[in-house]
Amino acid sequence: MKNLLLLLPLYARRKSGLLLALFCALATVAAGVGLLGVSGWFLTGAALAGAGGAFNLFAPSALVRGLSFLRIVSRYADRVVGHAATLRLLADLRAAVFAALIRLTPRQLARYRDGDLVARMTGDVDALDTVFLFVLAPLATALLAGTLLTAVLGYWMPAAALAVALALLAACVAVPLWLLRAARRPGAAAQESAAGLRAATLDAVDGHADMVALHAQAQTAEHFERLCEASAGARRSQARVAARGQFFLQVAAGASVLAMLWFGLETLESGRISGPALVGLLLAVIGIFEVAGPIMRGASRMGSAMSAAARIREVTQCEPDMRDPDTPQALPESGVLELDRVRFAYPARTQGIGPLVLDDVSLRMAPGERVAILGPSGAGKSTLLHLLLRLEDPQSGQVRFGGCDARACAQSDWHRRIALLSQDAPVFLGTLRTNLLIGDPEADDAALWRALDAARLGDFVRGLPDGLDTWAGETGSWLSAGQARRLCLARALLSPAAVIVLDEPTAGLDTAAETAFFQDLASAVRGRTVVLATHAVLPPGAVDRCCELRAGRLHELSSGMAILA
């Protein structure tokens, strides 16, 4: 249950809407129970009046009309206000989960599968709507309305009131607590299987071409079918838990009716209550137990809610690996970018750190200089770029810009000075304009066109019917691979960064597009510092100098000697 405490700050933020929803729910229950009771009183009184008794028909008929109208209005308001409050809570929770994810480092996010993160943002958050709609609100209204009804019963039949109160406590508190324990395991299984299904679906979509090429469709379908069977089994277990709750609810309601008849007939014989009033109270007692029905359904789903809350809490309470200093230093607008005797190794799977990826690496890049980092796959080129971008921190040595250590300044300032164009830089779903504005949200059209012209994409965009407002398609599907890469380059150029880091920027391009990209690089970056990691053959003039990573050390290709500080 402690995992559900993460909802308390969100509830506090939305307390006015939740209290209004609770008031509407209470008004609905009170009107429904009152309508049932008054109807019983009215019909019984009218029947006795027809048999020769005297009964005032005007008061109960007016109450029936008034309570009917009140129930219609309050029920509608309950649905609108309650669901609106819940949707706002879920929106707040999604924003909180996304904010927690976005502050983590790429290495921390790499621990999760893409589908698992999607499941936490969608299915796990959605599972928590159970808490208010099907547990807290019905429980509060049942207890409040039950207290009021018990007080009314106590005026005429104290013993019956005590029996009804005990049955209500059993139905609204004791049985749901028991169901809560019984629902934990199937609820956790339901959430895990749902997350597995989402992950399997995303994996199948992303890797569909590979699966077809390797004839792995049958194995993938079998795996998905096993996940479906596990999900169905968990849902059946939840349904059995809910059915047991409904059984005990009917037992509690039946016991209350028997207690009402036992003590009510005795009270009727003594003349302390009239027949119509007894029938009205009896029907009101039956009506109050209808409120406990959603509690039973909600309790059976609380296992899923608790499992979802645990999965969300794991993400939201995860602290980022890197933090800003208490008093960050200010970074200059431009300066020398350098690595000074840097050593780095990734954490081992068990304890400690693994083998060194970078060993005593030093490199100095003057403003406006273009440097290529070469080396075979696995040599550590991407790791070196991650250190420059401060996605990782070295175990020893320093990464400096303008003489300031990366760990001594704010990460946001560092990332404003250094921009990245990676081999898998995404083209987001939207227009060319919205993709470009990610680099600089304040850029005007003139700045967008300058960036496109610098990336040699301006003439192509001008020839499009909608120009900057042309739809880019899913992952840039309406663009060629070269055009998509140049669009991402233009986006990086729009940023105010003094350093552009390129990680295999021509991966996936044909030879002609690759050569054209590198030939245009010098004019595109307009004097900014460029750090380029690539396997490609560079045309003359693309960079000022080349270095190669071998066995964790950086070597100048011209001298073959390790570059030292």
Protein backbone atom coordinates (compact mmCIF):
# COMPACT_ATOMS: atom_id res chain seq x y z
CA MET A 1 0.00 0.00 0.00
CA LYS A 2 2.92 2.36 0.59
CA ASN A 3 3.45 2.55 -3.17
CA LEU A 4 0.04 4.22 -3.48
CA LEU A 5 1.33 7.11 -1.36
CA LEU A 6 2.78 8.59 -4.54
CA LEU A 7 -0.82 9.60 -5.38
CA LEU A 8 -1.21 11.77 -2.28
CA PRO A 9 0.57 14.88 -3.68
CA LEU A 10 -1.52 14.61 -6.84
CA TYR A 11 -4.72 14.25 -4.79
CA ALA A 12 -3.73 17.30 -2.75
CA ARG A 13 -3.22 19.31 -5.94
CA ARG A 14 -6.65 18.31 -7.26
CA LYS A 15 -8.47 18.31 -3.94
CA SER A 16 -11.18 20.79 -4.97
CA GLY A 17 -12.21 18.67 -7.96
CA LEU A 18 -12.06 15.45 -5.94
CA LEU A 19 -14.12 16.90 -3.10
CA LEU A 20 -16.72 18.13 -5.59
CA ALA A 21 -16.80 14.66 -7.18
CA LEU A 22 -17.21 13.11 -3.74
CA PHE A 23 -20.07 15.49 -2.93
CA CYS A 24 -21.83 14.62 -6.20
CA ALA A 25 -21.38 10.90 -5.51
CA LEU A 26 -22.77 11.29 -2.00
CA ALA A 27 -25.75 13.27 -3.32
CA THR A 28 -26.39 10.52 -5.89
CA VAL A 29 -26.31 7.79 -3.25
CA ALA A 30 -28.46 9.77 -0.83
CA ALA A 31 -31.01 10.54 -3.55
CA GLY A 32 -31.07 6.90 -4.74
CA VAL A 33 -31.44 5.40 -1.28
CA GLY A 34 -33.96 8.07 -0.29
CA LEU A 35 -35.94 7.49 -3.48
CA LEU A 36 -36.09 3.74 -2.84
CA GLY A 37 -37.16 4.28 0.77
CA VAL A 38 -39.76 6.92 -0.01
CA SER A 39 -41.12 4.79 -2.86
CA GLY A 40 -41.57 1.86 -0.50
CA TRP A 41 -43.26 4.11 2.03
CA PHE A 42 -45.47 5.65 -0.68
CA LEU A 43 -46.55 2.39 -2.33
CA THR A 44 -47.23 0.63 0.96
CA GLY A 45 -49.14 3.60 2.34
CA ALA A 46 -51.16 3.91 -0.86
CA ALA A 47 -52.01 0.19 -0.77
CA LEU A 48 -53.12 0.40 2.85
CA ALA A 49 -55.13 3.53 2.07
CA GLY A 50 -56.91 1.64 -0.68
CA ALA A 51 -57.77 -1.05 1.85
CA GLY A 52 -59.58 1.46 4.02
CA GLY A 53 -56.73 3.26 5.80
CA ALA A 54 -55.93 6.98 5.68
CA PHE A 55 -52.77 8.17 3.99
CA ASN A 56 -51.59 11.57 2.73
CA LEU A 57 -50.46 10.95 -0.85
CA PHE A 58 -49.20 14.46 -1.62
CA ALA A 59 -46.05 14.55 0.54
CA PRO A 60 -44.52 11.22 -0.60
CA SER A 61 -45.44 11.82 -4.26
CA ALA A 62 -43.70 15.22 -4.13
CA LEU A 63 -40.67 13.58 -2.50
CA VAL A 64 -40.54 10.91 -5.20
CA ARG A 65 -40.53 13.57 -7.94
CA GLY A 66 -37.95 15.70 -6.16
CA LEU A 67 -35.61 12.80 -5.35
CA SER A 68 -35.93 11.44 -8.90
CA PHE A 69 -34.90 14.77 -10.36
CA LEU A 70 -32.08 15.16 -7.81
CA ARG A 71 -30.78 11.68 -8.58
CA ILE A 72 -30.72 12.35 -12.35
CA VAL A 73 -28.85 15.63 -11.93
CA SER A 74 -26.43 14.41 -9.27
CA ARG A 75 -25.67 11.19 -11.15
CA TYR A 76 -24.86 13.11 -14.30
CA ALA A 77 -22.72 15.56 -12.32
CA ASP A 78 -21.05 12.64 -10.55
CA ARG A 79 -20.04 11.08 -13.86
CA VAL A 80 -18.82 14.33 -15.39
CA VAL A 81 -16.99 15.70 -12.35
CA GLY A 82 -15.64 12.36 -11.14
CA HIS A 83 -14.23 11.31 -14.49
CA ALA A 84 -12.88 14.79 -15.18
CA ALA A 85 -11.05 14.75 -11.83
CA THR A 86 -9.69 11.27 -12.52
CA LEU A 87 -8.49 12.19 -16.00
CA ARG A 88 -6.71 15.24 -14.59
CA LEU A 89 -5.07 13.02 -11.98
CA LEU A 90 -3.89 10.62 -14.66
CA ALA A 91 -2.57 13.51 -16.75
CA ASP A 92 -0.66 14.83 -13.72
CA LEU A 93 0.72 11.38 -13.04
CA ARG A 94 1.84 10.90 -16.66
CA ALA A 95 3.57 14.29 -16.54
CA ALA A 96 5.30 13.30 -13.29
CA VAL A 97 6.45 9.96 -14.74
CA PHE A 98 7.72 11.64 -17.92
CA ALA A 99 9.54 14.30 -15.89
CA ALA A 100 11.19 11.54 -13.85
CA LEU A 101 12.24 9.69 -17.01
CA ILE A 102 13.56 12.72 -18.84
CA ARG A 103 16.02 13.61 -16.05
CA LEU A 104 17.66 10.16 -16.10
CA THR A 105 20.81 9.51 -18.07
CA PRO A 106 20.74 7.41 -21.26
CA ARG A 107 22.55 4.61 -19.43
CA GLN A 108 19.81 4.51 -16.79
CA LEU A 109 17.06 4.49 -19.43
CA ALA A 110 18.85 1.71 -21.30
CA ARG A 111 17.96 -0.64 -18.42
CA TYR A 112 14.35 -0.57 -19.58
CA ARG A 113 12.92 -1.95 -22.77
CA ASP A 114 11.17 0.64 -24.93
CA GLY A 115 7.89 -1.23 -24.61
CA ASP A 116 8.26 -1.37 -20.84
CA LEU A 117 8.60 2.40 -20.59
CA VAL A 118 5.54 2.80 -22.81
CA ALA A 119 3.65 0.38 -20.53
CA ARG A 120 4.53 2.43 -17.46
CA MET A 121 3.38 5.63 -19.16
CA THR A 122 0.10 4.13 -20.37
CA GLY A 123 -1.15 0.87 -18.85
CA ASP A 124 0.31 1.37 -15.38
CA VAL A 125 -0.99 4.92 -15.12
CA ASP A 126 -4.42 3.89 -16.42
CA ALA A 127 -4.60 1.11 -13.81
CA LEU A 128 -4.51 3.74 -11.06
CA ASP A 129 -7.89 5.21 -12.03
CA THR A 130 -9.29 2.32 -9.97
CA VAL A 131 -8.12 3.91 -6.75
CA PHE A 132 -10.45 6.91 -6.75
CA LEU A 133 -13.32 5.90 -9.02
CA PHE A 134 -13.85 2.37 -7.71
CA VAL A 135 -12.42 2.40 -4.19
CA LEU A 136 -12.04 5.77 -2.46
CA ALA A 137 -15.18 7.50 -3.76
CA PRO A 138 -17.56 4.50 -3.34
CA LEU A 139 -16.07 3.69 0.07
CA ALA A 140 -16.45 7.25 1.34
CA THR A 141 -20.01 7.59 0.05
CA ALA A 142 -21.04 4.18 1.39
CA LEU A 143 -19.68 4.94 4.85
CA LEU A 144 -21.18 8.44 5.00
CA ALA A 145 -24.56 7.39 3.63
CA GLY A 146 -24.51 4.26 5.79
CA THR A 147 -23.82 6.33 8.89
CA LEU A 148 -26.77 8.59 8.10
CA LEU A 149 -29.10 5.65 7.45
CA THR A 150 -27.94 3.87 10.60
CA ALA A 151 -28.72 7.01 12.61
CA VAL A 152 -32.24 7.07 11.15
CA LEU A 153 -32.72 3.37 11.91
CA GLY A 154 -31.44 3.85 15.44
CA TYR A 155 -34.30 6.22 16.17
CA TRP A 156 -36.85 3.42 15.78
CA MET A 157 -34.88 0.14 15.92
CA PRO A 158 -31.52 0.40 17.70
CA ALA A 159 -30.84 -3.34 17.47
CA ALA A 160 -31.54 -3.41 13.73
CA ALA A 161 -29.36 -0.32 13.27
CA LEU A 162 -26.47 -2.10 15.01
CA ALA A 163 -26.87 -5.17 12.78
CA VAL A 164 -26.98 -3.06 9.61
CA ALA A 165 -23.93 -1.08 10.73
CA LEU A 166 -21.94 -4.28 11.34
CA ALA A 167 -23.00 -5.70 7.96
CA LEU A 168 -22.00 -2.47 6.21
CA LEU A 169 -18.60 -2.45 7.90
CA ALA A 170 -18.09 -6.03 6.82
CA ALA A 171 -19.15 -5.32 3.24
CA CYS A 172 -17.28 -2.02 2.88
CA VAL A 173 -14.15 -2.65 4.96
CA ALA A 174 -13.51 -6.24 6.06
CA VAL A 175 -14.37 -8.03 2.79
CA PRO A 176 -12.53 -5.49 0.56
CA LEU A 177 -9.41 -5.85 2.72
CA TRP A 178 -9.58 -9.61 2.29
CA LEU A 179 -10.13 -9.19 -1.45
CA LEU A 180 -7.17 -6.84 -1.55
CA ARG A 181 -4.87 -9.56 -0.28
CA ALA A 182 -6.36 -12.13 -2.62
CA ALA A 183 -6.03 -9.80 -5.64
CA ARG A 184 -2.36 -8.96 -5.23
CA ARG A 185 -0.89 -11.89 -7.12
CA PRO A 186 -3.33 -11.94 -10.07
CA GLY A 187 -3.16 -8.14 -10.24
CA ALA A 188 0.63 -8.15 -10.47
CA ALA A 189 0.44 -10.92 -13.08
CA ALA A 190 -2.09 -8.90 -15.09
CA GLN A 191 0.12 -5.81 -15.13
CA GLU A 192 3.26 -7.75 -16.00
CA SER A 193 1.53 -9.62 -18.82
CA ALA A 194 0.04 -6.39 -20.16
CA ALA A 195 3.47 -4.76 -20.11
CA GLY A 196 4.90 -7.82 -21.85
CA LEU A 197 2.25 -7.61 -24.56
CA ARG A 198 3.02 -3.95 -25.21
CA ALA A 199 6.76 -4.65 -25.34
CA ALA A 200 6.25 -7.63 -27.65
CA THR A 201 4.06 -5.56 -29.96
CA LEU A 202 6.62 -2.76 -30.21
CA ASP A 203 9.45 -5.24 -30.72
CA ALA A 204 7.48 -6.96 -33.49
CA VAL A 205 6.81 -3.65 -35.24
CA ASP A 206 10.40 -2.38 -34.91
CA GLY A 207 11.98 -5.69 -35.88
CA HIS A 208 9.45 -6.87 -38.45
CA ALA A 209 11.88 -6.77 -41.37
CA ASP A 210 14.45 -8.86 -39.47
CA MET A 211 11.80 -11.36 -38.39
CA VAL A 212 10.65 -11.83 -41.98
CA ALA A 213 14.22 -12.16 -43.22
CA LEU A 214 15.02 -14.79 -40.56
CA HIS A 215 11.64 -16.57 -40.89
CA ALA A 216 10.98 -15.96 -37.19
CA GLN A 217 7.29 -15.04 -37.49
CA ALA A 218 6.12 -18.37 -36.06
CA GLN A 219 8.30 -18.09 -32.93
CA THR A 220 7.18 -14.48 -32.43
CA ALA A 221 3.52 -15.46 -32.76
CA GLU A 222 3.98 -18.30 -30.25
CA HIS A 223 5.63 -15.95 -27.77
CA PHE A 224 2.79 -13.46 -28.18
CA GLU A 225 0.20 -16.21 -27.74
CA ARG A 226 1.84 -17.29 -24.47
CA LEU A 227 1.67 -13.71 -23.23
CA CYS A 228 -2.01 -13.53 -24.23
CA GLU A 229 -2.73 -16.76 -22.32
CA ALA A 230 -0.94 -15.40 -19.25
CA SER A 231 -2.93 -12.16 -19.45
CA ALA A 232 -6.23 -14.04 -19.85
CA GLY A 233 -5.40 -16.27 -16.88
CA ALA A 234 -4.63 -13.27 -14.69
CA ARG A 235 -7.89 -11.58 -15.72
CA ARG A 236 -9.86 -14.74 -14.92
CA SER A 237 -8.28 -14.83 -11.47
CA GLN A 238 -9.27 -11.22 -10.93
CA ALA A 239 -12.82 -12.00 -12.03
CA ARG A 240 -13.01 -14.88 -9.52
CA VAL A 241 -11.87 -12.54 -6.75
CA ALA A 242 -14.57 -10.03 -7.75
CA ALA A 243 -17.20 -12.80 -7.82
CA ARG A 244 -16.29 -13.84 -4.27
CA GLY A 245 -16.67 -10.23 -3.20
CA GLN A 246 -20.14 -10.01 -4.75
CA PHE A 247 -21.12 -13.23 -2.96
CA PHE A 248 -20.16 -11.85 0.43
CA LEU A 249 -21.88 -8.57 -0.41
CA GLN A 250 -25.13 -10.41 -1.03
CA VAL A 251 -24.67 -12.36 2.21
CA ALA A 252 -24.20 -9.09 4.14
CA ALA A 253 -27.23 -7.52 2.44
CA GLY A 254 -29.35 -10.59 3.15
CA ALA A 255 -28.30 -10.63 6.81
CA SER A 256 -29.29 -6.96 7.11
CA VAL A 257 -32.71 -7.65 5.58
CA LEU A 258 -33.28 -10.52 8.03
CA ALA A 259 -32.25 -8.30 10.94
CA MET A 260 -34.60 -5.59 9.74
CA LEU A 261 -37.49 -8.03 9.51
CA TRP A 262 -36.71 -9.66 12.86
CA PHE A 263 -36.50 -6.45 14.84
CA GLY A 264 -38.82 -4.41 12.59
CA LEU A 265 -41.84 -6.72 12.90
CA GLU A 266 -41.49 -6.64 16.67
CA THR A 267 -41.33 -2.83 16.56
CA LEU A 268 -44.37 -2.77 14.25
CA GLU A 269 -46.37 -4.94 16.65
CA SER A 270 -45.55 -2.63 19.52
CA GLY A 271 -46.83 0.34 17.52
CA ARG A 272 -43.55 2.28 17.61
CA ILE A 273 -43.35 2.37 13.79
CA SER A 274 -45.94 2.27 11.01
CA GLY A 275 -46.04 -0.33 8.26
CA PRO A 276 -45.24 2.05 5.38
CA ALA A 277 -42.26 3.49 7.31
CA LEU A 278 -40.91 -0.03 8.02
CA VAL A 279 -41.14 -0.99 4.34
CA GLY A 280 -39.46 2.26 3.34
CA LEU A 281 -36.58 1.66 5.77
CA LEU A 282 -36.25 -1.94 4.60
CA LEU A 283 -35.92 -0.88 0.94
CA ALA A 284 -33.49 1.88 1.94
CA VAL A 285 -31.27 -0.73 3.63
CA ILE A 286 -31.33 -2.85 0.45
CA GLY A 287 -30.42 0.24 -1.56
CA ILE A 288 -27.45 1.18 0.59
CA PHE A 289 -25.77 -2.15 -0.12
CA GLU A 290 -25.92 -1.44 -3.85
CA VAL A 291 -23.26 1.21 -3.21
CA ALA A 292 -20.83 -1.46 -2.05
CA GLY A 293 -20.88 -3.19 -5.45
CA PRO A 294 -18.25 -0.88 -7.03
CA ILE A 295 -16.08 -1.34 -3.93
CA MET A 296 -15.94 -5.09 -4.56
CA ARG A 297 -15.02 -4.57 -8.20
CA GLY A 298 -12.44 -1.95 -7.25
CA ALA A 299 -10.91 -4.14 -4.55
CA SER A 300 -10.48 -6.97 -7.05
CA ARG A 301 -8.57 -4.58 -9.31
CA MET A 302 -6.43 -3.09 -6.56
CA GLY A 303 -3.83 -5.79 -7.09
CA SER A 304 -3.21 -4.34 -10.54
CA ALA A 305 -3.24 -0.82 -9.11
CA MET A 306 -0.67 -1.68 -6.42
CA SER A 307 1.56 -3.44 -8.94
CA ALA A 308 1.27 -0.46 -11.29
CA ALA A 309 2.06 1.95 -8.46
CA ALA A 310 5.17 -0.07 -7.57
CA ARG A 311 6.37 0.00 -11.19
CA ILE A 312 5.74 3.75 -11.43
CA ARG A 313 7.35 4.41 -8.04
CA GLU A 314 10.47 2.58 -9.20
CA VAL A 315 10.83 5.10 -12.01
CA THR A 316 9.82 8.26 -10.18
CA GLN A 317 12.14 7.61 -7.22
CA CYS A 318 15.13 6.71 -9.36
CA GLU A 319 17.77 9.39 -8.87
CA PRO A 320 19.81 10.53 -11.88
CA ASP A 321 23.41 9.37 -12.03
CA MET A 322 24.65 12.91 -12.61
CA ARG A 323 23.66 16.00 -10.64
CA ASP A 324 24.41 19.69 -10.97
CA PRO A 325 26.75 21.21 -8.36
CA ASP A 326 25.24 23.39 -5.66
CA THR A 327 26.93 26.48 -7.09
CA PRO A 328 27.51 25.85 -10.83
CA GLN A 329 30.11 27.84 -12.72
CA ALA A 330 29.12 29.97 -15.68
CA LEU A 331 30.25 28.72 -19.08
CA PRO A 332 31.68 31.08 -21.72
CA GLU A 333 29.88 31.35 -25.04
CA SER A 334 32.86 29.84 -26.86
CA GLY A 335 36.18 28.30 -25.97
CA VAL A 336 38.52 25.37 -26.29
CA LEU A 337 36.97 21.91 -25.89
CA GLU A 338 39.37 19.44 -24.38
CA LEU A 339 39.74 16.03 -22.81
CA ASP A 340 42.48 15.90 -20.18
CA ARG A 341 43.88 12.45 -19.31
CA VAL A 342 40.43 10.88 -19.31
CA ARG A 343 39.87 7.30 -18.16
CA PHE A 344 36.47 5.65 -18.45
CA ALA A 345 34.93 2.21 -17.92
CA TYR A 346 31.30 1.13 -17.83
CA PRO A 347 29.91 -0.45 -14.64
CA ALA A 348 30.27 -4.22 -14.47
CA ARG A 349 27.16 -6.41 -14.40
CA THR A 350 27.90 -7.58 -10.86
CA GLN A 351 29.98 -5.09 -8.88
CA GLY A 352 32.58 -2.45 -9.51
CA ILE A 353 33.51 -1.34 -13.02
CA GLY A 354 34.42 -3.24 -16.15
CA PRO A 355 37.53 -2.97 -18.34
CA LEU A 356 38.70 0.46 -19.45
CA VAL A 357 37.13 1.75 -22.65
CA LEU A 358 39.20 4.95 -22.69
CA ASP A 359 42.65 4.99 -21.12
CA ASP A 360 44.50 8.26 -20.51
CA VAL A 361 42.88 10.03 -23.48
CA SER A 362 43.65 13.69 -24.07
CA LEU A 363 42.49 15.88 -26.94
CA ARG A 364 42.38 19.64 -27.50
CA MET A 365 40.06 21.25 -30.07
CA ALA A 366 40.33 24.95 -30.79
CA PRO A 367 37.22 26.99 -31.63
CA GLY A 368 36.19 26.36 -35.23
CA GLU A 369 38.38 23.29 -35.61
CA ARG A 370 36.98 20.13 -37.22
CA VAL A 371 38.34 16.86 -35.82
CA ALA A 372 37.45 13.33 -36.95
CA ILE A 373 37.61 10.42 -34.49
CA LEU A 374 38.18 7.16 -36.36
CA GLY A 375 38.39 3.57 -35.23
CA PRO A 376 36.74 0.17 -35.55
CA SER A 377 33.38 -0.64 -33.98
CA GLY A 378 33.71 -1.04 -30.24
CA ALA A 379 36.84 1.12 -30.04
CA GLY A 380 35.07 3.70 -27.85
CA LYS A 381 34.20 6.47 -30.31
CA SER A 382 30.59 6.81 -29.10
CA THR A 383 31.78 6.67 -25.49
CA LEU A 384 34.18 9.54 -26.14
CA LEU A 385 31.34 11.57 -27.65
CA HIS A 386 29.13 10.76 -24.66
CA LEU A 387 31.80 12.21 -22.39
CA LEU A 388 31.96 15.37 -24.53
CA LEU A 389 28.17 15.66 -24.33
CA ARG A 390 28.27 14.89 -20.61
CA LEU A 391 25.99 11.91 -20.94
CA GLU A 392 28.64 10.12 -18.87
CA ASP A 393 31.35 11.33 -16.47
CA PRO A 394 34.91 9.92 -16.56
CA GLN A 395 36.32 7.95 -13.63
CA SER A 396 39.39 10.21 -13.76
CA GLY A 397 40.52 13.18 -15.78
CA GLN A 398 38.47 16.15 -16.94
CA VAL A 399 36.29 17.25 -19.83
CA ARG A 400 36.53 21.04 -20.16
CA PHE A 401 34.98 23.78 -22.26
CA GLY A 402 36.51 27.22 -22.09
CA GLY A 403 38.58 26.02 -19.11
CA CYS A 404 35.50 24.96 -17.09
CA ASP A 405 35.14 21.34 -15.96
CA ALA A 406 31.89 19.74 -17.15
CA ARG A 407 31.13 18.61 -13.60
CA ALA A 408 31.46 22.17 -12.26
CA CYS A 409 28.71 23.71 -14.43
CA ALA A 410 24.98 23.15 -14.89
CA GLN A 411 24.13 20.36 -17.31
CA SER A 412 21.64 22.59 -19.13
CA ASP A 413 24.41 25.18 -19.81
CA TRP A 414 26.75 22.47 -21.05
CA HIS A 415 24.13 21.06 -23.42
CA ARG A 416 23.45 24.54 -24.80
CA ARG A 417 27.11 24.74 -25.82
CA ILE A 418 27.34 21.28 -27.42
CA ALA A 419 24.77 19.87 -29.87
CA LEU A 420 24.49 16.30 -31.14
CA LEU A 421 23.65 14.81 -34.53
CA SER A 422 23.63 11.04 -34.09
CA GLN A 423 23.32 8.25 -36.64
CA ASP A 424 19.77 7.58 -35.47
CA ALA A 425 18.72 11.21 -35.00
CA PRO A 426 14.91 11.11 -35.17
CA VAL A 427 12.61 12.99 -37.46
CA PHE A 428 9.58 13.56 -35.27
CA LEU A 429 5.98 13.20 -36.37
CA GLY A 430 4.98 16.66 -37.53
CA THR A 431 5.94 19.23 -40.14
CA LEU A 432 9.41 20.27 -41.26
CA ARG A 433 8.88 23.49 -39.29
CA THR A 434 8.06 21.76 -36.00
CA ASN A 435 11.10 19.50 -36.42
CA LEU A 436 13.39 22.48 -36.99
CA LEU A 437 11.99 24.48 -34.07
CA ILE A 438 13.24 21.81 -31.66
CA GLY A 439 16.72 23.26 -32.28
CA ASP A 440 15.55 26.79 -31.47
CA PRO A 441 11.90 27.33 -30.46
CA GLU A 442 12.28 31.10 -30.96
CA ALA A 443 13.64 30.91 -34.52
CA ASP A 444 11.77 32.86 -37.19
CA ASP A 445 11.27 31.73 -40.79
CA ALA A 446 14.40 33.53 -41.95
CA ALA A 447 16.51 31.56 -39.44
CA LEU A 448 14.85 28.31 -40.51
CA TRP A 449 15.64 28.96 -44.15
CA ARG A 450 19.26 29.88 -43.33
CA ALA A 451 19.68 26.58 -41.49
CA LEU A 452 18.11 24.63 -44.35
CA ASP A 453 20.31 26.42 -46.89
CA ALA A 454 23.39 25.69 -44.79
CA ALA A 455 22.42 22.01 -44.75
CA ARG A 456 21.80 22.16 -48.54
CA LEU A 457 18.11 21.33 -48.12
CA GLY A 458 16.61 24.79 -48.73
CA ASP A 459 16.02 24.41 -52.49
CA PHE A 460 14.25 21.10 -51.97
CA VAL A 461 11.91 22.52 -49.29
CA ARG A 462 11.15 25.62 -51.40
CA GLY A 463 9.99 23.30 -54.17
CA LEU A 464 7.42 21.63 -51.93
CA PRO A 465 3.79 22.87 -52.17
CA ASP A 466 3.57 23.57 -48.43
CA GLY A 467 7.19 24.56 -47.88
CA LEU A 468 8.11 24.56 -44.20
CA ASP A 469 4.66 23.29 -43.32
CA THR A 470 5.12 20.07 -45.32
CA TRP A 471 4.28 16.98 -43.31
CA ALA A 472 7.42 14.94 -42.57
CA GLY A 473 5.59 11.66 -41.95
CA GLU A 474 6.22 8.98 -39.33
CA THR A 475 10.00 9.00 -38.60
CA GLY A 476 10.48 11.13 -41.72
CA SER A 477 8.97 8.54 -44.03
CA TRP A 478 8.16 11.20 -46.65
CA LEU A 479 11.85 12.13 -46.94
CA SER A 480 14.76 10.22 -48.36
CA ALA A 481 17.47 9.06 -45.94
CA GLY A 482 19.80 11.85 -47.08
CA GLN A 483 17.10 14.50 -46.78
CA ALA A 484 16.16 13.31 -43.30
CA ARG A 485 19.81 13.49 -42.22
CA ARG A 486 20.18 17.01 -43.60
CA LEU A 487 16.99 18.06 -41.84
CA CYS A 488 18.46 16.83 -38.55
CA LEU A 489 21.70 18.69 -39.36
CA ALA A 490 19.72 21.89 -39.96
CA ARG A 491 18.01 21.36 -36.61
CA ALA A 492 21.39 21.04 -34.89
CA LEU A 493 22.65 24.16 -36.69
CA LEU A 494 19.70 26.16 -35.36
CA SER A 495 20.85 25.55 -31.81
CA PRO A 496 23.17 28.16 -30.25
CA ALA A 497 25.78 25.47 -29.62
CA ALA A 498 29.42 26.35 -30.26
CA VAL A 499 30.29 22.67 -30.77
CA ILE A 500 28.55 20.20 -33.09
CA VAL A 501 29.10 16.52 -32.27
CA LEU A 502 28.42 14.12 -35.15
CA ASP A 503 28.13 10.40 -34.40
CA GLU A 504 28.18 8.39 -37.65
CA PRO A 505 26.04 11.07 -39.38
CA THR A 506 26.15 9.31 -42.78
CA ALA A 507 25.24 5.81 -41.56
CA GLY A 508 22.71 4.30 -43.98
CA LEU A 509 23.40 6.79 -46.79
CA ASP A 510 24.63 5.76 -50.21
CA THR A 511 28.11 6.77 -51.37
CA ALA A 512 26.96 9.81 -53.34
CA ALA A 513 24.84 11.18 -50.47
CA GLU A 514 27.64 10.49 -48.00
CA THR A 515 30.24 12.34 -50.09
CA ALA A 516 27.90 15.29 -50.64
CA PHE A 517 27.18 15.49 -46.89
CA PHE A 518 30.87 15.70 -45.98
CA GLN A 519 31.67 18.14 -48.78
CA ASP A 520 29.00 20.51 -47.48
CA LEU A 521 29.96 20.10 -43.82
CA ALA A 522 32.55 22.90 -43.62
CA SER A 523 30.21 25.53 -45.05
CA ALA A 524 27.24 24.23 -43.06
CA VAL A 525 28.80 24.52 -39.59
CA ARG A 526 29.93 28.13 -40.25
CA GLY A 527 33.08 28.10 -38.14
CA ARG A 528 31.77 26.04 -35.23
CA THR A 529 33.87 23.35 -33.61
CA VAL A 530 33.06 19.91 -35.03
CA VAL A 531 33.80 16.51 -33.50
CA LEU A 532 33.05 13.75 -35.98
CA ALA A 533 33.04 10.00 -35.23
CA THR A 534 32.75 7.96 -38.38
CA HIS A 535 33.77 4.84 -40.31
CA ALA A 536 33.34 6.62 -43.62
CA VAL A 537 36.10 7.66 -46.01
CA LEU A 538 36.39 11.43 -45.65
CA PRO A 539 36.89 13.57 -48.75
CA PRO A 540 39.74 16.11 -48.69
CA GLY A 541 38.91 19.23 -46.69
CA ALA A 542 36.08 17.67 -44.71
CA VAL A 543 38.04 17.95 -41.41
CA ASP A 544 41.20 19.64 -40.22
CA ARG A 545 42.74 16.56 -38.61
CA CYS A 546 42.03 12.91 -37.86
CA CYS A 547 42.60 10.85 -34.74
CA GLU A 548 42.14 7.14 -34.24
CA LEU A 549 41.07 5.19 -31.18
CA ARG A 550 42.98 1.94 -30.68
CA ALA A 551 42.99 -0.15 -27.49
CA GLY A 552 41.46 2.71 -25.52
CA ARG A 553 44.07 5.28 -26.55
CA LEU A 554 43.83 8.15 -29.00
CA HIS A 555 46.46 8.43 -31.77
CA GLU A 556 47.18 11.12 -34.34
CA LEU A 557 47.12 9.46 -37.75
CA SER A 558 49.90 11.74 -39.00
CA SER A 559 52.39 10.74 -36.29
CA GLY A 560 51.03 7.46 -34.95
CA MET A 561 51.87 8.67 -31.43
CA ALA A 562 49.40 8.86 -28.57
CA ILE A 563 48.15 12.38 -27.97
CA LEU A 564 49.16 13.41 -24.49
CA ALA A 565 48.25 16.47 -22.48
